[in-house]
Amino acid sequence: MPGIDEVPVTERHCLCIRSKVGVYWKDVLRDLSMAEMAIRNLEEDYKHCEVAEKCYQGLLKWKENLGPQEATVKNLCRAMQNVGCSEALEALQNMSHESDG
């Protein structure tokens, strides 16, 4: 049975952190190895949306592109830690521990 960090990221995870990542959404996606062109496309497609929505859509795209084997809570936590999104990281870790019970 995989550890909690190895579980695939869900839409619920993305919703939990989207407003906490804030202006760092592009940096998080870059750290997750999303292509720069894909990030630019997201920015253009959602230019009239708030930052939280851009983050959410970017995370969904990352999750969709990598699939459940690679789009894990562990990888997302690592990216947020690398970028310095401590509030989002804490929220995600708390959420993971709640579902651990």
Protein backbone atom coordinates (compact mmCIF):
# COMPACT_ATOMS: atom_id res chain seq x y z
CA MET A 1 0.00 0.00 0.00
CA PRO A 2 1.50 3.37 -1.01
CA GLY A 3 2.37 6.00 1.59
CA ILE A 4 0.14 9.04 1.85
CA ASP A 5 2.65 11.11 -0.14
CA GLU A 6 2.47 8.69 -3.06
CA VAL A 7 -1.27 9.12 -3.53
CA PRO A 8 -2.34 10.81 -6.76
CA VAL A 9 -3.28 14.48 -6.58
CA THR A 10 -7.05 14.93 -6.78
CA GLU A 11 -9.23 17.89 -7.72
CA ARG A 12 -9.87 18.27 -3.99
CA HIS A 13 -6.15 18.78 -3.37
CA CYS A 14 -6.03 21.40 -6.12
CA LEU A 15 -9.03 23.25 -4.68
CA CYS A 16 -7.48 23.17 -1.22
CA ILE A 17 -4.30 25.00 -2.24
CA ARG A 18 -5.30 27.12 -5.24
CA SER A 19 -5.85 30.37 -3.32
CA LYS A 20 -2.83 29.78 -1.08
CA VAL A 21 -0.31 29.40 -3.91
CA GLY A 22 -1.23 32.86 -5.17
CA VAL A 23 1.23 34.72 -7.39
CA TYR A 24 3.64 31.77 -7.24
CA TRP A 25 1.40 29.58 -9.39
CA LYS A 26 3.72 29.79 -12.40
CA ASP A 27 6.79 29.00 -10.30
CA VAL A 28 5.08 25.95 -8.83
CA LEU A 29 4.13 24.70 -12.31
CA ARG A 30 7.68 25.30 -13.57
CA ASP A 31 9.05 23.33 -10.63
CA LEU A 32 6.63 20.54 -11.62
CA SER A 33 8.32 20.61 -15.07
CA MET A 34 5.37 22.06 -16.94
CA ALA A 35 6.44 23.52 -20.28
CA GLU A 36 6.69 27.30 -20.48
CA MET A 37 4.39 27.34 -23.51
CA ALA A 38 1.71 25.48 -21.56
CA ILE A 39 1.98 28.04 -18.75
CA ARG A 40 1.65 30.90 -21.24
CA ASN A 41 -1.38 29.21 -22.78
CA LEU A 42 -3.00 28.88 -19.35
CA GLU A 43 -2.31 32.53 -18.64
CA GLU A 44 -3.91 33.53 -21.94
CA ASP A 45 -6.87 31.14 -21.65
CA TYR A 46 -7.69 32.35 -18.14
CA LYS A 47 -6.54 35.98 -18.42
CA HIS A 48 -9.87 37.27 -17.11
CA CYS A 49 -9.85 34.92 -14.13
CA GLU A 50 -8.38 35.41 -10.70
CA VAL A 51 -4.96 33.98 -9.86
CA ALA A 52 -6.50 31.15 -7.83
CA GLU A 53 -8.36 29.89 -10.91
CA LYS A 54 -5.18 30.03 -13.03
CA CYS A 55 -3.41 27.99 -10.38
CA TYR A 56 -6.26 25.47 -10.20
CA GLN A 57 -6.42 25.02 -13.98
CA GLY A 58 -2.63 24.68 -14.15
CA LEU A 59 -2.61 21.99 -11.50
CA LEU A 60 -5.41 20.13 -13.26
CA LYS A 61 -3.45 20.28 -16.53
CA TRP A 62 -0.31 19.00 -14.78
CA LYS A 63 -2.30 16.18 -13.18
CA GLU A 64 -3.91 15.27 -16.51
CA ASN A 65 -0.59 15.32 -18.40
CA LEU A 66 1.37 13.19 -15.94
CA GLY A 67 -1.28 10.80 -14.75
CA PRO A 68 -1.66 9.28 -11.27
CA GLN A 69 1.78 7.64 -11.15
CA GLU A 70 3.68 10.94 -11.36
CA ALA A 71 1.16 13.59 -10.28
CA THR A 72 1.48 12.71 -6.60
CA VAL A 73 0.98 14.65 -3.40
CA LYS A 74 4.68 14.10 -2.70
CA ASN A 75 5.75 15.79 -5.95
CA LEU A 76 3.33 18.67 -5.41
CA CYS A 77 4.57 19.17 -1.84
CA ARG A 78 8.17 19.17 -3.05
CA ALA A 79 7.40 21.83 -5.67
CA MET A 80 5.63 24.08 -3.16
CA GLN A 81 8.50 23.67 -0.72
CA ASN A 82 11.04 24.56 -3.44
CA VAL A 83 9.10 27.68 -4.38
CA GLY A 84 8.41 28.72 -0.79
CA CYS A 85 4.62 28.33 -0.70
CA SER A 86 4.58 27.41 2.98
CA GLU A 87 0.89 28.18 3.57
CA ALA A 88 -0.19 26.01 0.63
CA LEU A 89 2.24 23.28 1.66
CA GLU A 90 0.86 23.26 5.21
CA ALA A 91 -2.73 23.13 3.95
CA LEU A 92 -1.95 20.20 1.67
CA GLN A 93 -0.11 18.30 4.40
CA ASN A 94 -2.98 18.89 6.85
CA MET A 95 -5.46 17.67 4.26
CA SER A 96 -3.38 14.54 3.65
CA HIS A 97 -3.19 13.78 7.35
CA GLU A 98 -6.96 14.25 7.77
CA SER A 99 -7.62 11.64 5.09
CA ASP A 100 -5.01 9.37 6.67
CA GLY A 101 -7.41 8.35 9.44
